[in-house]
Protein backbone atom coordinates (compact mmCIF):
# COMPACT_ATOMS: atom_id res chain seq x y z
CA MET A 1 25.10 49.46 -22.17
CA TYR A 2 22.89 50.74 -24.99
CA GLY A 3 20.95 53.89 -24.26
CA LYS A 4 23.04 54.81 -21.23
CA LYS A 5 25.56 57.62 -21.06
CA HIS A 6 29.07 56.31 -20.44
CA SER A 7 32.37 58.08 -20.86
CA PHE A 8 34.52 57.15 -23.84
CA GLU A 9 37.07 55.41 -21.61
CA LYS A 10 34.33 53.38 -19.89
CA ARG A 11 32.91 52.30 -23.27
CA LYS A 12 36.35 51.18 -24.44
CA LYS A 13 36.96 49.24 -21.24
CA MET A 14 33.58 47.47 -21.44
CA GLY A 15 34.07 46.76 -25.13
CA LYS A 16 37.51 45.19 -24.70
CA SER A 17 36.16 42.57 -22.36
CA LYS A 18 33.16 41.72 -24.57
CA THR A 19 34.34 41.98 -28.17
CA ARG A 20 35.50 39.05 -30.23
CA THR A 21 35.94 41.18 -33.34
CA GLY A 22 38.36 43.75 -31.95
CA VAL A 23 36.03 46.63 -32.89
CA LEU A 24 33.65 48.38 -30.51
CA TYR A 25 29.93 47.66 -31.20
CA VAL A 26 30.67 45.04 -33.92
CA SER A 27 29.56 41.42 -33.69
CA LYS A 28 29.17 38.39 -35.92
CA ALA A 29 25.61 37.05 -36.09
CA LYS A 30 24.26 33.81 -37.58
CA ASN A 31 22.20 34.28 -40.71
CA LYS A 32 20.97 31.30 -42.73
CA SER A 33 20.14 33.40 -45.78
CA CYS A 34 23.82 34.31 -46.36
CA ASP A 35 26.16 32.00 -48.25
CA ASN A 36 28.75 32.06 -45.47
CA GLY A 37 26.14 31.53 -42.72
CA TYR A 38 26.67 34.82 -40.86
CA ILE A 39 26.59 38.60 -41.14
CA TRP A 40 28.57 41.35 -39.46
CA ARG A 41 26.51 43.71 -37.31
CA TYR A 42 27.27 47.18 -35.89
CA LYS A 43 24.80 48.12 -33.10
CA TYR A 44 24.26 51.70 -31.95
CA THR A 45 21.60 53.86 -30.33
CA ASP A 46 19.71 56.65 -32.07
CA ASN A 47 17.36 58.73 -29.94
CA GLY A 48 17.15 55.94 -27.36
CA LYS A 49 16.38 53.22 -29.90
CA ILE A 50 18.79 50.38 -30.70
CA LYS A 51 19.60 50.25 -34.40
CA SER A 52 22.05 48.23 -36.44
CA ILE A 53 23.96 48.28 -39.69
CA ASN A 54 24.55 44.89 -41.31
CA SER A 55 26.88 43.63 -44.01
CA VAL A 56 28.00 40.31 -45.42
CA THR A 57 31.68 41.31 -45.18
CA PHE A 58 33.65 42.95 -42.39
CA LYS A 59 35.20 45.47 -44.80
CA GLY A 60 31.77 46.28 -46.21
CA LEU A 61 30.47 46.96 -42.72
CA ARG A 62 33.36 49.30 -41.97
CA GLU A 63 32.67 51.23 -45.16
CA LYS A 64 28.96 51.55 -44.35
CA VAL A 65 29.66 52.75 -40.80
CA LEU A 66 32.26 55.29 -41.89
CA ALA A 67 29.98 56.52 -44.71
CA LYS A 68 27.43 57.47 -42.03
CA ASN A 69 30.15 59.37 -40.10
CA MET A 70 29.87 57.02 -37.13
CA GLU A 71 32.63 55.80 -34.79
CA TRP A 72 34.76 52.82 -35.88
CA ILE A 73 36.86 52.18 -32.78
CA VAL A 74 39.44 49.41 -33.04
CA LEU A 75 40.15 47.96 -29.59
CA ASP A 76 42.32 45.02 -30.64
CA GLU A 77 44.18 45.42 -33.92
CA GLN A 78 45.01 41.70 -34.23
CA LYS A 79 41.40 40.53 -33.78
CA ALA A 80 40.19 43.15 -36.27
CA MET A 81 42.73 41.98 -38.86
CA GLU A 82 41.63 38.36 -38.38
CA CYS A 83 38.00 39.35 -38.98
CA GLU A 84 38.90 41.12 -42.22
CA LEU A 85 40.41 37.88 -43.52
CA LEU A 86 37.20 35.86 -42.94
């Protein structure tokens, strides 16, 4: 999916079937150095290279992504709300 050109509707459809967070491109990754044992990760492509933005909290990740004027696309409102509570 990364690095390929897909229409917005195709990206949303693919994301709905894969996401557990309810937000496109966002995942929860294990990280032993964090107190809670995981980090939130937003993956995107920049000039054909896969890059990511990481944060300890879901809200913090959303703020970082929006500060860079990137897309924060909520696919499932309920899942996204559950992630904010973690």
